[in-house]
Amino acid sequence: MAKQLSCRDMSVDCPWFGVAETVDELLKGAAEHSAAVHDAKDIPHEMMESMRRAVKEA
């Protein structure tokens, strides 16, 4: 089953919404979005773990 995550799931006021087949693919897309749009080039390990916990089934 596909996975989903949005910036709003992380309490960020941004319309980005990602869907991917795996959690790792989804987090990669979220990291790329964060770098491109939010200027977050280096996401701390703790934040990545928070993002991982926020992933939902699509």
C-alpha atoms as a PDB file:
ATOM      1  CA  MET A   1       0.000   0.000   0.000  1.00  0.00           C
ATOM      2  CA  ALA A   2       1.264   3.490  -0.850  1.00  0.00           C
ATOM      3  CA  LYS A   3       2.518   5.895   1.812  1.00  0.00           C
ATOM      4  CA  GLN A   4       1.726   9.604   2.163  1.00  0.00           C
ATOM      5  CA  LEU A   5       3.103  12.636   3.982  1.00  0.00           C
ATOM      6  CA  SER A   6       2.475  16.364   3.774  1.00  0.00           C
ATOM      7  CA  CYS A   7       4.198  19.452   5.110  1.00  0.00           C
ATOM      8  CA  ARG A   8       1.066  20.096   7.143  1.00  0.00           C
ATOM      9  CA  ASP A   9       1.596  16.727   8.876  1.00  0.00           C
ATOM     10  CA  MET A  10       4.799  18.340  10.157  1.00  0.00           C
ATOM     11  CA  SER A  11       3.039  21.577  11.201  1.00  0.00           C
ATOM     12  CA  VAL A  12       4.432  23.506   8.238  1.00  0.00           C
ATOM     13  CA  ASP A  13       2.020  25.789   6.366  1.00  0.00           C
ATOM     14  CA  CYS A  14       2.781  24.484   2.882  1.00  0.00           C
ATOM     15  CA  PRO A  15       0.514  22.675   0.394  1.00  0.00           C
ATOM     16  CA  TRP A  16       3.105  19.983  -0.499  1.00  0.00           C
ATOM     17  CA  PHE A  17       1.696  16.469  -0.377  1.00  0.00           C
ATOM     18  CA  GLY A  18       3.747  13.412  -1.267  1.00  0.00           C
ATOM     19  CA  VAL A  19       2.769   9.852  -2.106  1.00  0.00           C
ATOM     20  CA  ALA A  20       5.192   6.985  -2.762  1.00  0.00           C
ATOM     21  CA  GLU A  21       5.263   3.203  -2.685  1.00  0.00           C
ATOM     22  CA  THR A  22       7.752   3.020   0.203  1.00  0.00           C
ATOM     23  CA  VAL A  23       8.553   5.122   3.250  1.00  0.00           C
ATOM     24  CA  ASP A  24      12.142   5.583   2.052  1.00  0.00           C
ATOM     25  CA  GLU A  25      10.992   6.897  -1.352  1.00  0.00           C
ATOM     26  CA  LEU A  26       8.547   9.235   0.363  1.00  0.00           C
ATOM     27  CA  LEU A  27      11.163  10.593   2.768  1.00  0.00           C
ATOM     28  CA  LYS A  28      13.577  11.122  -0.120  1.00  0.00           C
ATOM     29  CA  GLY A  29      10.929  13.182  -1.922  1.00  0.00           C
ATOM     30  CA  ALA A  30      10.153  15.101   1.251  1.00  0.00           C
ATOM     31  CA  ALA A  31      13.840  15.878   1.766  1.00  0.00           C
ATOM     32  CA  GLU A  32      14.184  17.067  -1.844  1.00  0.00           C
ATOM     33  CA  HIS A  33      11.109  19.276  -1.412  1.00  0.00           C
ATOM     34  CA  SER A  34      12.447  20.647   1.879  1.00  0.00           C
ATOM     35  CA  ALA A  35      15.771  21.543   0.279  1.00  0.00           C
ATOM     36  CA  ALA A  36      14.207  23.163  -2.784  1.00  0.00           C
ATOM     37  CA  VAL A  37      11.325  25.041  -1.172  1.00  0.00           C
ATOM     38  CA  HIS A  38      12.160  25.461   2.507  1.00  0.00           C
ATOM     39  CA  ASP A  39      15.952  25.852   2.124  1.00  0.00           C
ATOM     40  CA  ALA A  40      16.466  22.935   4.524  1.00  0.00           C
ATOM     41  CA  LYS A  41      19.546  21.327   2.991  1.00  0.00           C
ATOM     42  CA  ASP A  42      20.541  19.207   6.001  1.00  0.00           C
ATOM     43  CA  ILE A  43      17.611  17.636   7.804  1.00  0.00           C
ATOM     44  CA  PRO A  44      18.609  16.501  11.300  1.00  0.00           C
ATOM     45  CA  HIS A  45      18.195  12.832  12.168  1.00  0.00           C
ATOM     46  CA  GLU A  46      15.562  13.698  14.781  1.00  0.00           C
ATOM     47  CA  MET A  47      13.461  15.511  12.165  1.00  0.00           C
ATOM     48  CA  MET A  48      13.730  12.596   9.735  1.00  0.00           C
ATOM     49  CA  GLU A  49      12.522  10.269  12.486  1.00  0.00           C
ATOM     50  CA  SER A  50       9.591  12.615  13.182  1.00  0.00           C
ATOM     51  CA  MET A  51       8.771  12.581   9.485  1.00  0.00           C
ATOM     52  CA  ARG A  52       8.975   8.781   9.438  1.00  0.00           C
ATOM     53  CA  ARG A  53       6.494   8.587  12.335  1.00  0.00           C
ATOM     54  CA  ALA A  54       4.111  10.997  10.541  1.00  0.00           C
ATOM     55  CA  VAL A  55       3.855   8.827   7.394  1.00  0.00           C
ATOM     56  CA  LYS A  56       0.359   7.457   6.798  1.00  0.00           C
ATOM     57  CA  GLU A  57      -1.094   4.758   4.576  1.00  0.00           C
ATOM     58  CA  ALA A  58      -2.492   6.252   1.365  1.00  0.00           C
END
